């Protein structure tokens, strides 16, 4: 069994489960240590509870979702809508990386409909490298030894800010763990109940399943999650997800996008 660690850093509670819950479940089954983290506790996610009340509930929901697969959860305590790419925020992310010391990082798409997601993506990208730099000081924590593999999850609804479709070049077949993913997503009751109230339909789960089916069609599987790997200078270029998850991983040719 491996003792490698995957860190999934997203903007808001429920983001890790919606976009990467299946892949995280498969990695946990493969013996990986799984850590989920969100930039915010989701303080804006209610029309009935105040920010302090809803944040407390959503932190607990995020921890419960992580616990479904034996994962740990961290919240970096930024605020919804106000996630900022600045030194204090980036130092929080670097401290997280130096605490968790991941081999693999999954984060939000750098192309998305809202800046909370995009800025989280940029923070994760920088922290992958910055966590290795000794002269960036985080008292009590030592620099990491390597730049981790970095993958960007799907954008919301699979589209960028202009409505152009985004398709992951690495697809993970999550058909065997879709029930686990659904259980993880369902832990976020505040969001699920809110959508039920305004729509009368359990769109929270249904939309996740529908989008997973959209991805599955690219690889002739029932359900899939899509990723694009960061392949810039100094970042590892081998497809670690494929190396670890093997037959669950399929490559989608860029020409299909």
C-alpha atoms as a PDB file:
ATOM      1  CA  UNK A   1       0.000   0.000   0.000  1.00  0.00           C
ATOM      2  CA  UNK A   2       1.192   3.477  -0.827  1.00  0.00           C
ATOM      3  CA  UNK A   3       1.460   6.300   1.678  1.00  0.00           C
ATOM      4  CA  UNK A   4       1.334   9.096  -0.865  1.00  0.00           C
ATOM      5  CA  UNK A   5      -0.941  12.075  -0.276  1.00  0.00           C
ATOM      6  CA  UNK A   6      -3.393  13.858  -2.562  1.00  0.00           C
ATOM      7  CA  UNK A   7      -4.572  17.362  -1.678  1.00  0.00           C
ATOM      8  CA  UNK A   8      -7.760  18.631  -3.291  1.00  0.00           C
ATOM      9  CA  UNK A   9      -7.930  22.397  -2.772  1.00  0.00           C
ATOM     10  CA  UNK A  10     -11.089  24.105  -3.971  1.00  0.00           C
ATOM     11  CA  UNK A  11     -12.867  27.385  -3.287  1.00  0.00           C
ATOM     12  CA  UNK A  12     -16.004  26.399  -1.375  1.00  0.00           C
ATOM     13  CA  UNK A  13     -17.415  23.505   0.659  1.00  0.00           C
ATOM     14  CA  UNK A  14     -18.932  20.867  -1.670  1.00  0.00           C
ATOM     15  CA  UNK A  15     -16.557  21.812  -4.541  1.00  0.00           C
ATOM     16  CA  UNK A  16     -14.071  18.970  -3.800  1.00  0.00           C
ATOM     17  CA  UNK A  17     -16.829  16.369  -3.774  1.00  0.00           C
ATOM     18  CA  UNK A  18     -18.733  17.657  -6.800  1.00  0.00           C
ATOM     19  CA  UNK A  19     -15.709  17.928  -9.089  1.00  0.00           C
ATOM     20  CA  UNK A  20     -13.346  15.268  -7.719  1.00  0.00           C
ATOM     21  CA  UNK A  21     -15.191  13.043  -5.254  1.00  0.00           C
ATOM     22  CA  UNK A  22     -14.964   9.959  -7.449  1.00  0.00           C
ATOM     23  CA  UNK A  23     -11.263  10.331  -8.147  1.00  0.00           C
ATOM     24  CA  UNK A  24     -10.566  10.944  -4.462  1.00  0.00           C
ATOM     25  CA  UNK A  25     -12.537   7.805  -3.582  1.00  0.00           C
ATOM     26  CA  UNK A  26     -10.509   5.741  -6.060  1.00  0.00           C
ATOM     27  CA  UNK A  27      -7.247   7.134  -4.687  1.00  0.00           C
ATOM     28  CA  UNK A  28      -8.369   6.308  -1.143  1.00  0.00           C
ATOM     29  CA  UNK A  29      -9.138   2.763  -2.268  1.00  0.00           C
ATOM     30  CA  UNK A  30      -5.631   2.604  -3.749  1.00  0.00           C
ATOM     31  CA  UNK A  31      -4.192   3.395  -0.315  1.00  0.00           C
ATOM     32  CA  UNK A  32      -3.560   7.111  -0.721  1.00  0.00           C
ATOM     33  CA  UNK A  33      -3.959   9.574   2.121  1.00  0.00           C
ATOM     34  CA  UNK A  34      -6.631  12.037   0.993  1.00  0.00           C
ATOM     35  CA  UNK A  35      -6.917  15.641   2.177  1.00  0.00           C
ATOM     36  CA  UNK A  36      -9.639  18.040   1.071  1.00  0.00           C
ATOM     37  CA  UNK A  37      -9.441  21.777   1.684  1.00  0.00           C
ATOM     38  CA  UNK A  38     -11.515  24.821   0.850  1.00  0.00           C
ATOM     39  CA  UNK A  39     -10.525  28.438   0.775  1.00  0.00           C
ATOM     40  CA  UNK A  40     -13.774  29.470   2.493  1.00  0.00           C
ATOM     41  CA  UNK A  41     -16.291  27.953   4.924  1.00  0.00           C
ATOM     42  CA  UNK A  42     -19.096  29.030   2.609  1.00  0.00           C
ATOM     43  CA  UNK A  43     -20.320  31.922   4.736  1.00  0.00           C
ATOM     44  CA  UNK A  44     -22.451  33.309   1.889  1.00  0.00           C
ATOM     45  CA  UNK A  45     -24.321  30.058   1.322  1.00  0.00           C
ATOM     46  CA  UNK A  46     -27.611  30.784   3.059  1.00  0.00           C
ATOM     47  CA  UNK A  47     -30.539  33.155   2.833  1.00  0.00           C
ATOM     48  CA  UNK A  48     -31.749  32.232   6.342  1.00  0.00           C
ATOM     49  CA  UNK A  49     -28.670  31.830   8.566  1.00  0.00           C
ATOM     50  CA  UNK A  50     -26.048  34.475   9.220  1.00  0.00           C
ATOM     51  CA  UNK A  51     -22.446  34.073   8.124  1.00  0.00           C
ATOM     52  CA  UNK A  52     -21.201  32.625  11.418  1.00  0.00           C
ATOM     53  CA  UNK A  53     -24.057  30.125  11.680  1.00  0.00           C
ATOM     54  CA  UNK A  54     -23.872  28.814   8.121  1.00  0.00           C
ATOM     55  CA  UNK A  55     -20.063  28.659   8.214  1.00  0.00           C
ATOM     56  CA  UNK A  56     -20.118  26.393  11.268  1.00  0.00           C
ATOM     57  CA  UNK A  57     -22.601  24.056   9.634  1.00  0.00           C
ATOM     58  CA  UNK A  58     -20.782  23.948   6.306  1.00  0.00           C
ATOM     59  CA  UNK A  59     -17.408  23.199   7.929  1.00  0.00           C
ATOM     60  CA  UNK A  60     -19.035  20.219   9.637  1.00  0.00           C
ATOM     61  CA  UNK A  61     -20.628  19.100   6.370  1.00  0.00           C
ATOM     62  CA  UNK A  62     -17.289  19.320   4.553  1.00  0.00           C
ATOM     63  CA  UNK A  63     -15.585  17.284   7.274  1.00  0.00           C
ATOM     64  CA  UNK A  64     -18.363  14.674   7.114  1.00  0.00           C
ATOM     65  CA  UNK A  65     -18.046  14.427   3.335  1.00  0.00           C
ATOM     66  CA  UNK A  66     -14.301  13.892   3.641  1.00  0.00           C
ATOM     67  CA  UNK A  67     -14.825  11.277   6.349  1.00  0.00           C
ATOM     68  CA  UNK A  68     -16.880   9.125   3.952  1.00  0.00           C
ATOM     69  CA  UNK A  69     -13.571   8.088   2.351  1.00  0.00           C
ATOM     70  CA  UNK A  70     -11.416   8.496   5.457  1.00  0.00           C
ATOM     71  CA  UNK A  71     -10.094  11.880   4.331  1.00  0.00           C
ATOM     72  CA  UNK A  72      -9.138  14.954   6.371  1.00  0.00           C
ATOM     73  CA  UNK A  73     -10.598  18.412   5.815  1.00  0.00           C
ATOM     74  CA  UNK A  74      -9.024  21.870   6.213  1.00  0.00           C
ATOM     75  CA  UNK A  75     -10.592  25.317   5.835  1.00  0.00           C
ATOM     76  CA  UNK A  76      -8.364  28.322   5.121  1.00  0.00           C
ATOM     77  CA  UNK A  77     -11.019  30.801   6.325  1.00  0.00           C
ATOM     78  CA  UNK A  78     -11.141  33.176   3.380  1.00  0.00           C
ATOM     79  CA  UNK A  79     -14.572  34.578   2.484  1.00  0.00           C
ATOM     80  CA  UNK A  80     -16.917  33.744  -0.367  1.00  0.00           C
ATOM     81  CA  UNK A  81     -16.621  36.353  -3.155  1.00  0.00           C
ATOM     82  CA  UNK A  82     -13.536  37.864  -1.514  1.00  0.00           C
ATOM     83  CA  UNK A  83     -10.874  35.207  -2.176  1.00  0.00           C
ATOM     84  CA  UNK A  84      -7.809  37.264  -3.034  1.00  0.00           C
ATOM     85  CA  UNK A  85      -4.463  36.513  -4.634  1.00  0.00           C
ATOM     86  CA  UNK A  86      -2.274  38.354  -2.144  1.00  0.00           C
ATOM     87  CA  UNK A  87       0.617  37.583   0.177  1.00  0.00           C
ATOM     88  CA  UNK A  88      -1.371  36.750   3.344  1.00  0.00           C
ATOM     89  CA  UNK A  89      -3.697  34.391   1.479  1.00  0.00           C
ATOM     90  CA  UNK A  90      -0.902  32.750  -0.469  1.00  0.00           C
ATOM     91  CA  UNK A  91       1.086  32.190   2.722  1.00  0.00           C
ATOM     92  CA  UNK A  92      -1.930  30.354   4.167  1.00  0.00           C
ATOM     93  CA  UNK A  93      -1.952  28.078   1.129  1.00  0.00           C
ATOM     94  CA  UNK A  94       1.816  27.533   1.311  1.00  0.00           C
ATOM     95  CA  UNK A  95       1.490  26.610   4.984  1.00  0.00           C
ATOM     96  CA  UNK A  96      -1.200  24.096   4.044  1.00  0.00           C
ATOM     97  CA  UNK A  97       1.051  22.565   1.397  1.00  0.00           C
ATOM     98  CA  UNK A  98       3.953  22.334   3.836  1.00  0.00           C
ATOM     99  CA  UNK A  99       1.689  20.713   6.410  1.00  0.00           C
ATOM    100  CA  UNK A 100       0.084  18.200   4.052  1.00  0.00           C
ATOM    101  CA  UNK A 101       3.131  17.687   1.771  1.00  0.00           C
ATOM    102  CA  UNK A 102       1.151  16.340  -1.194  1.00  0.00           C
ATOM    103  CA  UNK A 103       2.489  14.295  -4.084  1.00  0.00           C
ATOM    104  CA  UNK A 104      -0.606  15.147  -6.111  1.00  0.00           C
ATOM    105  CA  UNK A 105      -2.706  18.329  -6.081  1.00  0.00           C
ATOM    106  CA  UNK A 106      -6.153  18.737  -7.594  1.00  0.00           C
ATOM    107  CA  UNK A 107      -7.609  22.225  -7.779  1.00  0.00           C
ATOM    108  CA  UNK A 108     -10.235  24.329  -9.505  1.00  0.00           C
ATOM    109  CA  UNK A 109     -10.184  25.127 -13.192  1.00  0.00           C
ATOM    110  CA  UNK A 110      -8.238  28.311 -14.060  1.00  0.00           C
ATOM    111  CA  UNK A 111     -11.045  29.021 -16.557  1.00  0.00           C
ATOM    112  CA  UNK A 112     -14.432  29.237 -14.902  1.00  0.00           C
ATOM    113  CA  UNK A 113     -17.543  31.355 -14.439  1.00  0.00           C
ATOM    114  CA  UNK A 114     -16.446  32.992 -11.184  1.00  0.00           C
ATOM    115  CA  UNK A 115     -13.237  34.451  -9.828  1.00  0.00           C
ATOM    116  CA  UNK A 116     -13.384  32.554  -6.517  1.00  0.00           C
ATOM    117  CA  UNK A 117     -12.667  29.386  -8.499  1.00  0.00           C
ATOM    118  CA  UNK A 118     -10.087  30.943 -10.800  1.00  0.00           C
ATOM    119  CA  UNK A 119      -8.146  32.646  -8.007  1.00  0.00           C
ATOM    120  CA  UNK A 120      -8.126  29.434  -5.967  1.00  0.00           C
ATOM    121  CA  UNK A 121      -6.640  27.724  -9.018  1.00  0.00           C
ATOM    122  CA  UNK A 122      -3.876  30.332  -9.262  1.00  0.00           C
ATOM    123  CA  UNK A 123      -3.138  30.140  -5.536  1.00  0.00           C
ATOM    124  CA  UNK A 124      -2.724  26.369  -5.777  1.00  0.00           C
ATOM    125  CA  UNK A 125      -0.514  26.653  -8.854  1.00  0.00           C
ATOM    126  CA  UNK A 126       1.846  29.079  -7.150  1.00  0.00           C
ATOM    127  CA  UNK A 127       1.901  27.170  -3.870  1.00  0.00           C
ATOM    128  CA  UNK A 128       2.987  23.973  -5.617  1.00  0.00           C
ATOM    129  CA  UNK A 129       6.310  25.609  -6.410  1.00  0.00           C
ATOM    130  CA  UNK A 130       6.521  28.224  -3.659  1.00  0.00           C
ATOM    131  CA  UNK A 131       6.215  25.601  -0.919  1.00  0.00           C
ATOM    132  CA  UNK A 132       9.609  24.270  -2.039  1.00  0.00           C
ATOM    133  CA  UNK A 133      11.420  27.616  -1.715  1.00  0.00           C
ATOM    134  CA  UNK A 134      13.402  27.891   1.561  1.00  0.00           C
ATOM    135  CA  UNK A 135      13.492  31.697   1.603  1.00  0.00           C
ATOM    136  CA  UNK A 136       9.695  31.820   1.783  1.00  0.00           C
ATOM    137  CA  UNK A 137       9.409  31.430   5.523  1.00  0.00           C
ATOM    138  CA  UNK A 138       6.594  29.715   7.385  1.00  0.00           C
ATOM    139  CA  UNK A 139       7.776  29.380  11.012  1.00  0.00           C
ATOM    140  CA  UNK A 140       7.482  25.854  12.323  1.00  0.00           C
ATOM    141  CA  UNK A 141       7.141  24.296   8.887  1.00  0.00           C
ATOM    142  CA  UNK A 142       9.910  23.167   6.547  1.00  0.00           C
ATOM    143  CA  UNK A 143       9.837  23.531   2.744  1.00  0.00           C
ATOM    144  CA  UNK A 144       8.516  20.642   0.710  1.00  0.00           C
ATOM    145  CA  UNK A 145      10.974  18.475  -1.207  1.00  0.00           C
ATOM    146  CA  UNK A 146       9.314  18.427  -4.620  1.00  0.00           C
ATOM    147  CA  UNK A 147       6.816  20.198  -6.828  1.00  0.00           C
ATOM    148  CA  UNK A 148       3.710  18.004  -6.810  1.00  0.00           C
ATOM    149  CA  UNK A 149       1.775  16.877  -9.847  1.00  0.00           C
ATOM    150  CA  UNK A 150      -0.966  19.427 -10.472  1.00  0.00           C
ATOM    151  CA  UNK A 151      -4.343  18.787 -12.102  1.00  0.00           C
ATOM    152  CA  UNK A 152      -7.197  21.175 -12.808  1.00  0.00           C
ATOM    153  CA  UNK A 153     -10.689  19.768 -12.350  1.00  0.00           C
ATOM    154  CA  UNK A 154     -13.647  20.580 -14.568  1.00  0.00           C
ATOM    155  CA  UNK A 155     -15.071  24.079 -14.734  1.00  0.00           C
ATOM    156  CA  UNK A 156     -18.643  24.566 -13.565  1.00  0.00           C
ATOM    157  CA  UNK A 157     -20.981  23.244 -16.268  1.00  0.00           C
ATOM    158  CA  UNK A 158     -17.888  22.461 -18.341  1.00  0.00           C
ATOM    159  CA  UNK A 159     -17.620  25.996 -19.715  1.00  0.00           C
ATOM    160  CA  UNK A 160     -15.298  28.976 -19.477  1.00  0.00           C
ATOM    161  CA  UNK A 161     -16.437  32.574 -18.886  1.00  0.00           C
ATOM    162  CA  UNK A 162     -17.333  32.942 -22.579  1.00  0.00           C
ATOM    163  CA  UNK A 163     -19.441  29.796 -22.648  1.00  0.00           C
ATOM    164  CA  UNK A 164     -16.845  27.798 -24.561  1.00  0.00           C
ATOM    165  CA  UNK A 165     -16.825  24.112 -23.681  1.00  0.00           C
ATOM    166  CA  UNK A 166     -13.923  22.758 -21.662  1.00  0.00           C
ATOM    167  CA  UNK A 167     -13.209  19.024 -21.816  1.00  0.00           C
ATOM    168  CA  UNK A 168     -10.617  17.356 -19.611  1.00  0.00           C
ATOM    169  CA  UNK A 169      -7.795  15.641 -21.437  1.00  0.00           C
ATOM    170  CA  UNK A 170      -7.506  13.094 -18.623  1.00  0.00           C
ATOM    171  CA  UNK A 171     -10.780  11.343 -17.820  1.00  0.00           C
ATOM    172  CA  UNK A 172     -11.188   9.158 -14.739  1.00  0.00           C
ATOM    173  CA  UNK A 173     -13.859   6.444 -14.920  1.00  0.00           C
ATOM    174  CA  UNK A 174     -15.757   6.838 -11.639  1.00  0.00           C
ATOM    175  CA  UNK A 175     -18.608   4.458 -12.469  1.00  0.00           C
ATOM    176  CA  UNK A 176     -17.592   2.009  -9.729  1.00  0.00           C
ATOM    177  CA  UNK A 177     -17.609   4.706  -7.034  1.00  0.00           C
ATOM    178  CA  UNK A 178     -20.518   6.882  -8.148  1.00  0.00           C
ATOM    179  CA  UNK A 179     -22.553   5.849  -5.096  1.00  0.00           C
ATOM    180  CA  UNK A 180     -19.683   6.882  -2.835  1.00  0.00           C
ATOM    181  CA  UNK A 181     -19.398  10.210  -4.641  1.00  0.00           C
ATOM    182  CA  UNK A 182     -23.147  10.732  -4.289  1.00  0.00           C
ATOM    183  CA  UNK A 183     -22.906  10.006  -0.565  1.00  0.00           C
ATOM    184  CA  UNK A 184     -20.115  12.558  -0.227  1.00  0.00           C
ATOM    185  CA  UNK A 185     -22.052  15.213  -2.131  1.00  0.00           C
ATOM    186  CA  UNK A 186     -25.200  14.493  -0.113  1.00  0.00           C
ATOM    187  CA  UNK A 187     -23.346  15.402   3.103  1.00  0.00           C
ATOM    188  CA  UNK A 188     -23.714  19.029   2.052  1.00  0.00           C
ATOM    189  CA  UNK A 189     -27.314  19.193   3.217  1.00  0.00           C
ATOM    190  CA  UNK A 190     -27.500  22.984   3.487  1.00  0.00           C
ATOM    191  CA  UNK A 191     -26.816  23.367  -0.212  1.00  0.00           C
ATOM    192  CA  UNK A 192     -28.973  20.405  -1.166  1.00  0.00           C
ATOM    193  CA  UNK A 193     -31.955  21.636   0.874  1.00  0.00           C
ATOM    194  CA  UNK A 194     -31.618  25.148  -0.475  1.00  0.00           C
ATOM    195  CA  UNK A 195     -31.767  23.889  -4.065  1.00  0.00           C
ATOM    196  CA  UNK A 196     -34.683  21.611  -3.222  1.00  0.00           C
ATOM    197  CA  UNK A 197     -36.547  24.587  -1.773  1.00  0.00           C
ATOM    198  CA  UNK A 198     -36.098  26.877  -4.749  1.00  0.00           C
ATOM    199  CA  UNK A 199     -36.464  24.253  -7.498  1.00  0.00           C
ATOM    200  CA  UNK A 200     -38.592  21.480  -6.023  1.00  0.00           C
ATOM    201  CA  UNK A 201     -36.096  19.008  -7.500  1.00  0.00           C
ATOM    202  CA  UNK A 202     -32.974  17.482  -6.033  1.00  0.00           C
ATOM    203  CA  UNK A 203     -30.832  19.217  -8.618  1.00  0.00           C
ATOM    204  CA  UNK A 204     -27.755  19.112  -6.421  1.00  0.00           C
ATOM    205  CA  UNK A 205     -27.316  15.377  -6.945  1.00  0.00           C
ATOM    206  CA  UNK A 206     -28.982  15.210 -10.335  1.00  0.00           C
ATOM    207  CA  UNK A 207     -26.775  17.887 -11.879  1.00  0.00           C
ATOM    208  CA  UNK A 208     -23.660  16.144 -10.582  1.00  0.00           C
ATOM    209  CA  UNK A 209     -24.784  12.849 -12.085  1.00  0.00           C
ATOM    210  CA  UNK A 210     -25.734  14.505 -15.365  1.00  0.00           C
ATOM    211  CA  UNK A 211     -22.343  16.181 -15.728  1.00  0.00           C
ATOM    212  CA  UNK A 212     -20.545  12.955 -14.797  1.00  0.00           C
ATOM    213  CA  UNK A 213     -22.505  11.243 -17.562  1.00  0.00           C
ATOM    214  CA  UNK A 214     -21.440  13.989 -19.992  1.00  0.00           C
ATOM    215  CA  UNK A 215     -17.821  13.194 -19.238  1.00  0.00           C
ATOM    216  CA  UNK A 216     -18.425   9.460 -19.378  1.00  0.00           C
ATOM    217  CA  UNK A 217     -19.565   9.705 -22.981  1.00  0.00           C
ATOM    218  CA  UNK A 218     -16.080  10.837 -24.033  1.00  0.00           C
ATOM    219  CA  UNK A 219     -14.620   7.507 -22.895  1.00  0.00           C
ATOM    220  CA  UNK A 220     -17.634   5.218 -23.360  1.00  0.00           C
ATOM    221  CA  UNK A 221     -18.187   4.836 -19.632  1.00  0.00           C
ATOM    222  CA  UNK A 222     -21.213   5.609 -17.501  1.00  0.00           C
ATOM    223  CA  UNK A 223     -19.612   8.296 -15.318  1.00  0.00           C
ATOM    224  CA  UNK A 224     -16.300  10.168 -15.392  1.00  0.00           C
ATOM    225  CA  UNK A 225     -14.456  13.173 -13.979  1.00  0.00           C
ATOM    226  CA  UNK A 226     -12.270  15.303 -16.225  1.00  0.00           C
ATOM    227  CA  UNK A 227      -8.892  16.917 -15.573  1.00  0.00           C
ATOM    228  CA  UNK A 228      -6.249  18.962 -17.333  1.00  0.00           C
ATOM    229  CA  UNK A 229      -2.678  18.569 -16.106  1.00  0.00           C
ATOM    230  CA  UNK A 230      -0.413  21.564 -15.480  1.00  0.00           C
ATOM    231  CA  UNK A 231       2.616  20.891 -17.661  1.00  0.00           C
ATOM    232  CA  UNK A 232       4.578  24.109 -17.283  1.00  0.00           C
ATOM    233  CA  UNK A 233       8.306  24.285 -16.600  1.00  0.00           C
ATOM    234  CA  UNK A 234       9.412  22.634 -13.324  1.00  0.00           C
ATOM    235  CA  UNK A 235       6.127  20.773 -12.848  1.00  0.00           C
ATOM    236  CA  UNK A 236       6.131  16.961 -13.248  1.00  0.00           C
ATOM    237  CA  UNK A 237       4.948  15.923 -16.700  1.00  0.00           C
ATOM    238  CA  UNK A 238       4.142  12.228 -16.350  1.00  0.00           C
ATOM    239  CA  UNK A 239       0.445  11.492 -15.931  1.00  0.00           C
ATOM    240  CA  UNK A 240       0.443  10.392 -12.294  1.00  0.00           C
ATOM    241  CA  UNK A 241      -3.294   9.781 -12.227  1.00  0.00           C
ATOM    242  CA  UNK A 242      -2.864   7.274 -15.050  1.00  0.00           C
ATOM    243  CA  UNK A 243       0.155   5.708 -13.344  1.00  0.00           C
ATOM    244  CA  UNK A 244      -1.777   5.189 -10.117  1.00  0.00           C
ATOM    245  CA  UNK A 245      -5.338   4.510 -11.253  1.00  0.00           C
ATOM    246  CA  UNK A 246      -4.316   2.669 -14.428  1.00  0.00           C
ATOM    247  CA  UNK A 247      -7.392   1.240 -16.205  1.00  0.00           C
ATOM    248  CA  UNK A 248      -9.670   3.857 -14.650  1.00  0.00           C
ATOM    249  CA  UNK A 249      -7.892   6.624 -16.566  1.00  0.00           C
ATOM    250  CA  UNK A 250      -8.444   7.443 -20.236  1.00  0.00           C
ATOM    251  CA  UNK A 251      -6.909  10.158 -22.409  1.00  0.00           C
ATOM    252  CA  UNK A 252      -9.138  12.412 -24.488  1.00  0.00           C
ATOM    253  CA  UNK A 253      -7.520  13.868 -27.580  1.00  0.00           C
ATOM    254  CA  UNK A 254      -7.415  17.647 -27.509  1.00  0.00           C
ATOM    255  CA  UNK A 255      -8.917  17.743 -31.016  1.00  0.00           C
ATOM    256  CA  UNK A 256     -12.202  16.530 -29.529  1.00  0.00           C
ATOM    257  CA  UNK A 257     -12.622  19.847 -27.703  1.00  0.00           C
END
